[in-house]
Amino acid sequence: MKKILIILLTALSFELKAQDAKVTSIINFTGLIDKYPIEMKLEMNQKNDSIAGEYYYKKNGNTEKIILEGKLIDGELNLQESTYNIAKRKYEITGKFRLNYIDQIYLSGSWQKPGKNAAYLTVKLTGRENLKAFNPSNYVFQYARNRAKIDNLPADAQYYFNLVLLKVFVNKSQRWIFTNFHDVFMKEAEVLLEDLNFDGYLDIKIPIYYPGVAKGDYSFLYFIYQPEKRGFTQSKQLNDLGVIFFDAVKKQAQTIDADGSGNEGTQYYRWQNGKLFLVKEERVYENDSYTHLTYYKIENGKSVLVKTEKKK
């Protein structure tokens, strides 16, 4: 991507639209409900303090996730959980959390089943991210963007904007400015904060879109926080990978591809020396009952094939 010269912004200022971004922080917690170990992921909307998320008991594994939603008000999280009832074919409320958010690190409080006389269980959780170093509540993210000018306009073209720059403020003072954008389209003014490389610091994800593309019409731009520089570096490797899912518990990244005809693949990556390396791939094919697995090891800065196998 070519750099956009800031001096051009003066000439374009009459076309630009500045807007504070909706900021969603993805925070992971680990700890106990009573004596039972759990892992919890929460998506916190900084604008309206709404929370969506999920958790699972370690003994059951991450395939049995319980859905969460609620609010953060004056440092207290009130979360309602729901699970899917297969027999009734619907989600049912199965419990609620009342948690104090302490020092931006700990969640401490209780969990209770539905019902007035249900017993409370003690909850103690610790955040995996270091919010003392980069606390989202202290920052304001502001986009400058203008209405997109797109050839062969798709039907929803009026909803697209060209991203020009992103400014980050602390106490009304500008801390960072991002300007490396060229033909980058967006819809909402939105920023996602998530620890992408599992070093404990939140990084930045900017949702971007591809007008007129029916499949794979969105992706992200990724910016990694560099604590030694107290700044962010755009990651070309992550940008090229596109839509990536990050697992803070396994410290693993994942991408998925599918052609819509039953041919699908899942790739698993691990970080080493600031770079993601492929360590495993799973593939399934139409009219093939096997799952095809390929394993790699990281050696001399490369992913080296170890073995392949197939399983039913």
Protein backbone atom coordinates (compact mmCIF):
# COMPACT_ATOMS: atom_id res chain seq x y z
CA MET A 1 0.00 0.00 0.00
CA LYS A 2 1.31 3.44 -0.96
CA LYS A 3 1.67 6.12 1.66
CA ILE A 4 -0.77 8.99 1.52
CA LEU A 5 0.96 12.34 1.94
CA ILE A 6 -0.48 14.33 4.78
CA ILE A 7 0.01 17.59 2.84
CA LEU A 8 -2.74 16.45 0.49
CA LEU A 9 -5.23 16.50 3.33
CA THR A 10 -5.41 20.30 3.30
CA ALA A 11 -6.66 20.28 -0.27
CA LEU A 12 -9.11 17.49 0.49
CA SER A 13 -10.33 18.81 3.83
CA PHE A 14 -13.59 20.13 2.38
CA GLU A 15 -14.47 16.56 1.33
CA LEU A 16 -13.34 14.75 4.47
CA LYS A 17 -15.67 13.59 7.19
CA ALA A 18 -14.15 13.17 10.67
CA GLN A 19 -15.91 10.78 13.01
CA ASP A 20 -15.15 9.16 16.34
CA ALA A 21 -14.88 5.41 15.91
CA LYS A 22 -16.89 2.78 17.70
CA VAL A 23 -14.24 0.91 19.71
CA THR A 24 -14.65 -2.75 20.67
CA SER A 25 -12.04 -4.34 22.92
CA ILE A 26 -11.66 -8.13 22.91
CA ILE A 27 -10.46 -9.17 26.36
CA ASN A 28 -9.71 -12.71 27.57
CA PHE A 29 -9.97 -13.92 31.16
CA THR A 30 -8.92 -17.13 32.87
CA GLY A 31 -9.84 -18.39 36.32
CA LEU A 32 -12.45 -20.21 38.38
CA ILE A 33 -16.16 -20.49 39.02
CA ASP A 34 -16.04 -22.04 42.47
CA LYS A 35 -13.43 -24.80 41.90
CA TYR A 36 -14.07 -25.19 38.17
CA PRO A 37 -11.51 -23.71 35.72
CA ILE A 38 -12.97 -21.64 32.88
CA GLU A 39 -11.85 -19.48 29.97
CA MET A 40 -13.85 -16.38 29.09
CA LYS A 41 -13.75 -13.96 26.14
CA LEU A 42 -15.58 -10.62 26.27
CA GLU A 43 -16.13 -8.02 23.55
CA MET A 44 -16.56 -4.66 25.26
CA ASN A 45 -18.14 -1.81 23.32
CA GLN A 46 -16.52 1.37 24.61
CA LYS A 47 -19.31 3.65 23.34
CA ASN A 48 -22.34 2.16 25.10
CA ASP A 49 -20.65 -0.21 27.59
CA SER A 50 -22.47 -3.22 26.13
CA ILE A 51 -20.76 -6.59 26.35
CA ALA A 52 -21.04 -9.75 24.28
CA GLY A 53 -18.96 -12.84 24.82
CA GLU A 54 -18.65 -16.48 25.67
CA TYR A 55 -16.99 -18.84 28.11
CA TYR A 56 -16.38 -22.54 28.53
CA TYR A 57 -15.35 -24.96 31.24
CA LYS A 58 -11.88 -26.33 30.57
CA LYS A 59 -12.97 -29.88 31.35
CA ASN A 60 -15.54 -29.70 28.52
CA GLY A 61 -13.28 -28.02 25.97
CA ASN A 62 -13.90 -24.98 23.80
CA THR A 63 -16.51 -26.70 21.64
CA GLU A 64 -19.10 -26.29 24.44
CA LYS A 65 -19.25 -22.52 24.68
CA ILE A 66 -21.83 -20.62 26.71
CA ILE A 67 -23.08 -17.30 25.31
CA LEU A 68 -22.84 -14.09 27.36
CA GLU A 69 -24.35 -10.62 27.04
CA GLY A 70 -24.70 -7.69 29.39
CA LYS A 71 -23.42 -4.29 30.48
CA LEU A 72 -20.45 -2.70 32.24
CA ILE A 73 -21.74 0.04 34.56
CA ASP A 74 -19.52 1.88 37.06
CA GLY A 75 -16.97 -0.91 37.07
CA GLU A 76 -19.52 -3.71 37.55
CA LEU A 77 -20.29 -6.33 34.90
CA ASN A 78 -23.77 -7.81 34.85
CA LEU A 79 -23.77 -10.70 32.41
CA GLN A 80 -26.53 -13.10 31.47
CA GLU A 81 -25.62 -16.48 30.05
CA SER A 82 -27.59 -18.69 27.69
CA THR A 83 -27.13 -22.15 26.22
CA TYR A 84 -28.84 -23.92 23.36
CA ASN A 85 -31.52 -26.45 24.32
CA ILE A 86 -31.43 -29.05 21.56
CA ALA A 87 -34.77 -30.61 22.52
CA LYS A 88 -36.58 -27.25 22.50
CA ARG A 89 -34.47 -25.86 19.63
CA LYS A 90 -33.87 -22.54 21.32
CA TYR A 91 -31.49 -20.70 23.63
CA GLU A 92 -32.39 -20.63 27.31
CA ILE A 93 -31.07 -18.47 30.16
CA THR A 94 -28.95 -20.70 32.39
CA GLY A 95 -27.26 -18.29 34.77
CA LYS A 96 -25.95 -14.81 35.47
CA PHE A 97 -22.68 -13.20 36.55
CA ARG A 98 -22.23 -10.18 38.78
CA LEU A 99 -18.59 -9.17 38.63
CA ASN A 100 -16.48 -6.23 39.75
CA TYR A 101 -13.84 -5.12 37.23
CA ILE A 102 -10.87 -4.44 39.48
CA ASP A 103 -7.89 -2.37 38.36
CA GLN A 104 -8.56 -3.29 34.70
CA ILE A 105 -7.07 -6.72 35.46
CA TYR A 106 -9.39 -8.84 37.60
CA LEU A 107 -13.02 -9.90 37.57
CA SER A 108 -14.30 -10.87 41.00
CA GLY A 109 -17.84 -11.67 42.05
CA SER A 110 -20.46 -14.37 41.73
CA TRP A 111 -22.38 -16.68 39.42
CA GLN A 112 -25.93 -17.83 40.06
CA LYS A 113 -28.43 -20.14 38.38
CA PRO A 114 -31.86 -18.69 37.53
CA GLY A 115 -34.22 -18.51 40.51
CA LYS A 116 -34.47 -16.42 43.67
CA ASN A 117 -33.19 -19.07 46.05
CA ALA A 118 -30.37 -20.43 43.89
CA ALA A 119 -26.96 -20.52 45.58
CA TYR A 120 -24.16 -18.19 44.54
CA LEU A 121 -20.78 -19.48 43.41
CA THR A 122 -17.63 -17.42 43.78
CA VAL A 123 -15.96 -16.21 40.57
CA LYS A 124 -12.32 -15.09 40.32
CA LEU A 125 -10.82 -14.30 36.90
CA THR A 126 -7.62 -12.67 35.67
CA GLY A 127 -7.23 -10.85 32.35
CA ARG A 128 -4.69 -12.20 29.88
CA GLU A 129 -4.09 -8.73 28.43
CA ASN A 130 -2.07 -5.97 30.08
CA LEU A 131 -4.57 -3.09 30.11
CA LYS A 132 -2.36 -1.04 32.39
CA ALA A 133 0.00 -0.60 29.44
CA PHE A 134 -2.69 0.15 26.87
CA ASN A 135 -6.11 0.84 28.39
CA PRO A 136 -8.76 1.38 25.68
CA SER A 137 -10.90 3.58 27.93
CA ASN A 138 -8.15 6.25 27.89
CA TYR A 139 -8.09 6.60 24.09
CA VAL A 140 -10.32 8.20 21.47
CA PHE A 141 -10.03 6.91 17.90
CA GLN A 142 -11.08 9.30 15.13
CA TYR A 143 -11.29 8.58 11.41
CA ALA A 144 -10.98 11.05 8.56
CA ARG A 145 -12.72 9.65 5.49
CA ASN A 146 -14.57 10.79 2.38
CA ARG A 147 -17.34 9.38 0.29
CA ALA A 148 -16.03 6.59 -1.91
CA LYS A 149 -15.87 7.13 -5.65
CA ILE A 150 -16.24 3.67 -7.16
CA ASP A 151 -16.44 2.71 -10.82
CA ASN A 152 -19.28 0.35 -11.79
CA LEU A 153 -21.08 1.13 -8.55
CA PRO A 154 -22.59 -1.82 -6.65
CA ALA A 155 -26.09 -1.40 -5.25
CA ASP A 156 -24.87 -0.51 -1.74
CA ALA A 157 -22.05 1.82 -2.84
CA GLN A 158 -23.59 4.73 -0.93
CA TYR A 159 -22.58 3.02 2.31
CA TYR A 160 -18.84 2.99 1.50
CA PHE A 161 -16.16 5.51 2.46
CA ASN A 162 -12.51 5.90 1.52
CA LEU A 163 -10.34 5.69 4.62
CA VAL A 164 -7.84 8.57 4.64
CA LEU A 165 -6.37 8.55 8.13
CA LEU A 166 -6.90 7.43 11.70
CA LYS A 167 -5.95 9.60 14.67
CA VAL A 168 -5.66 8.37 18.26
CA PHE A 169 -6.04 10.84 21.13
CA VAL A 170 -5.25 10.68 24.83
CA ASN A 171 -6.81 13.42 26.98
CA LYS A 172 -7.55 15.41 23.78
CA SER A 173 -3.87 15.24 22.81
CA GLN A 174 -2.95 13.39 19.62
CA ARG A 175 -0.79 10.33 20.35
CA TRP A 176 -0.66 8.48 17.01
CA ILE A 177 -1.71 9.04 13.41
CA PHE A 178 -2.08 6.31 10.77
CA THR A 179 -1.89 7.38 7.13
CA ASN A 180 -0.75 4.32 5.12
CA PHE A 181 -4.02 3.85 3.25
CA HIS A 182 -4.70 3.62 -0.49
CA ASP A 183 -8.05 2.55 -1.95
CA VAL A 184 -9.15 1.26 1.45
CA PHE A 185 -12.93 1.14 1.80
CA MET A 186 -14.92 1.03 5.01
CA LYS A 187 -18.56 1.22 6.12
CA GLU A 188 -18.87 1.96 9.83
CA ALA A 189 -16.27 4.01 11.68
CA GLU A 190 -15.07 1.07 13.74
CA VAL A 191 -11.90 -0.10 15.48
CA LEU A 192 -11.32 -3.50 17.09
CA LEU A 193 -8.65 -3.94 19.76
CA GLU A 194 -7.29 -7.45 20.29
CA ASP A 195 -3.99 -9.03 21.30
CA LEU A 196 -2.97 -10.44 17.92
CA ASN A 197 0.47 -11.79 18.83
CA PHE A 198 -0.31 -12.90 22.41
CA ASP A 199 2.29 -10.67 24.08
CA GLY A 200 -0.25 -9.19 26.49
CA TYR A 201 -0.72 -5.88 24.63
CA LEU A 202 -3.80 -4.94 22.66
CA ASP A 203 -3.28 -4.40 18.93
CA ILE A 204 -5.49 -2.70 16.34
CA LYS A 205 -7.77 -4.25 13.70
CA ILE A 206 -9.52 -2.01 11.17
CA PRO A 207 -12.41 -3.65 9.26
CA ILE A 208 -12.21 -3.00 5.51
CA TYR A 209 -14.50 -3.95 2.63
CA TYR A 210 -14.34 -4.72 -1.07
CA PRO A 211 -17.27 -3.12 -2.94
CA GLY A 212 -18.95 -5.30 -5.54
CA VAL A 213 -17.43 -8.55 -4.24
CA ALA A 214 -20.10 -11.11 -3.42
CA LYS A 215 -17.88 -13.54 -1.51
CA GLY A 216 -15.00 -12.62 0.77
CA ASP A 217 -16.13 -9.00 0.72
CA TYR A 218 -14.40 -7.96 3.94
CA SER A 219 -11.06 -8.22 5.69
CA PHE A 220 -8.92 -6.27 8.18
CA LEU A 221 -5.86 -4.10 8.39
CA TYR A 222 -3.67 -5.15 11.31
CA PHE A 223 -1.40 -2.95 13.44
CA ILE A 224 0.86 -4.58 16.06
CA TYR A 225 1.74 -2.65 19.21
CA GLN A 226 5.50 -2.35 19.78
CA PRO A 227 6.00 -1.74 23.54
CA GLU A 228 9.66 -0.76 23.16
CA LYS A 229 8.65 1.97 20.68
CA ARG A 230 5.30 2.76 22.31
CA GLY A 231 3.76 2.70 18.87
CA PHE A 232 2.18 0.50 16.22
CA THR A 233 3.54 -1.19 13.09
CA GLN A 234 1.29 -2.33 10.26
CA SER A 235 1.68 -6.08 9.63
CA LYS A 236 1.88 -6.92 5.93
CA GLN A 237 1.80 -10.64 6.69
CA LEU A 238 -1.47 -10.40 8.63
CA ASN A 239 -2.96 -8.07 6.00
CA ASP A 240 -2.15 -10.62 3.30
CA LEU A 241 -3.73 -13.46 5.30
CA GLY A 242 -7.00 -11.52 5.46
CA VAL A 243 -9.59 -12.68 7.97
CA ILE A 244 -7.79 -14.30 10.91
CA PHE A 245 -9.16 -15.77 14.13
CA PHE A 246 -6.98 -15.52 17.25
CA ASP A 247 -7.04 -17.99 20.16
CA ALA A 248 -5.48 -16.40 23.25
CA VAL A 249 -5.64 -19.68 25.21
CA LYS A 250 -3.79 -21.82 22.66
CA LYS A 251 -1.76 -18.80 21.43
CA GLN A 252 -2.71 -19.80 17.93
CA ALA A 253 -4.03 -18.01 14.84
CA GLN A 254 -6.37 -19.58 12.33
CA THR A 255 -7.59 -18.92 8.78
CA ILE A 256 -10.37 -20.66 6.86
CA ASP A 257 -11.06 -21.07 3.15
CA ALA A 258 -14.05 -22.60 1.37
CA ASP A 259 -15.27 -22.72 -2.22
CA GLY A 260 -18.96 -23.23 -1.41
CA SER A 261 -18.98 -26.76 -2.87
CA GLY A 262 -17.85 -28.70 0.19
CA ASN A 263 -14.12 -28.16 -0.30
CA GLU A 264 -12.82 -26.44 2.82
CA GLY A 265 -9.54 -25.85 4.62
CA THR A 266 -8.42 -24.62 8.02
CA GLN A 267 -4.88 -23.40 8.60
CA TYR A 268 -3.27 -23.05 12.05
CA TYR A 269 -0.36 -20.70 12.76
CA ARG A 270 2.01 -19.93 15.63
CA TRP A 271 4.15 -16.87 16.28
CA GLN A 272 7.92 -17.05 16.35
CA ASN A 273 10.28 -14.07 16.25
CA GLY A 274 7.52 -11.69 15.21
CA LYS A 275 6.23 -13.82 12.32
CA LEU A 276 3.39 -16.30 11.91
CA PHE A 277 4.28 -19.80 10.76
CA LEU A 278 1.95 -22.48 9.45
CA VAL A 279 2.01 -25.51 11.78
CA LYS A 280 -1.04 -27.50 10.70
CA GLU A 281 -3.63 -27.68 7.95
CA GLU A 282 -6.92 -29.57 7.81
CA ARG A 283 -8.78 -30.08 4.53
CA VAL A 284 -12.05 -31.74 3.58
CA TYR A 285 -13.28 -32.39 0.07
CA GLU A 286 -16.62 -32.96 -1.59
CA ASN A 287 -17.47 -36.69 -1.86
CA ASP A 288 -14.55 -37.59 0.42
CA SER A 289 -15.31 -38.88 3.93
CA TYR A 290 -11.75 -38.28 5.19
CA THR A 291 -10.22 -35.23 6.81
CA HIS A 292 -6.77 -34.64 5.34
CA LEU A 293 -4.16 -33.38 7.81
CA THR A 294 -0.76 -31.84 7.12
CA TYR A 295 1.72 -31.03 9.92
CA TYR A 296 4.67 -28.63 9.85
CA LYS A 297 7.48 -27.65 12.18
CA ILE A 298 9.19 -24.27 12.38
CA GLU A 299 12.82 -24.62 11.33
CA ASN A 300 15.31 -21.95 10.20
CA GLY A 301 12.58 -19.38 9.76
CA LYS A 302 10.37 -21.63 7.61
CA SER A 303 7.41 -24.00 7.97
CA VAL A 304 8.86 -27.43 7.13
CA LEU A 305 6.61 -30.37 6.24
CA VAL A 306 6.66 -33.12 8.87
CA LYS A 307 3.93 -35.55 7.84
CA THR A 308 0.51 -35.98 6.25
CA GLU A 309 -2.35 -38.27 7.24
CA LYS A 310 -6.06 -38.67 6.82
CA LYS A 311 -8.73 -39.48 9.39
CA LYS A 312 -12.44 -40.29 9.32
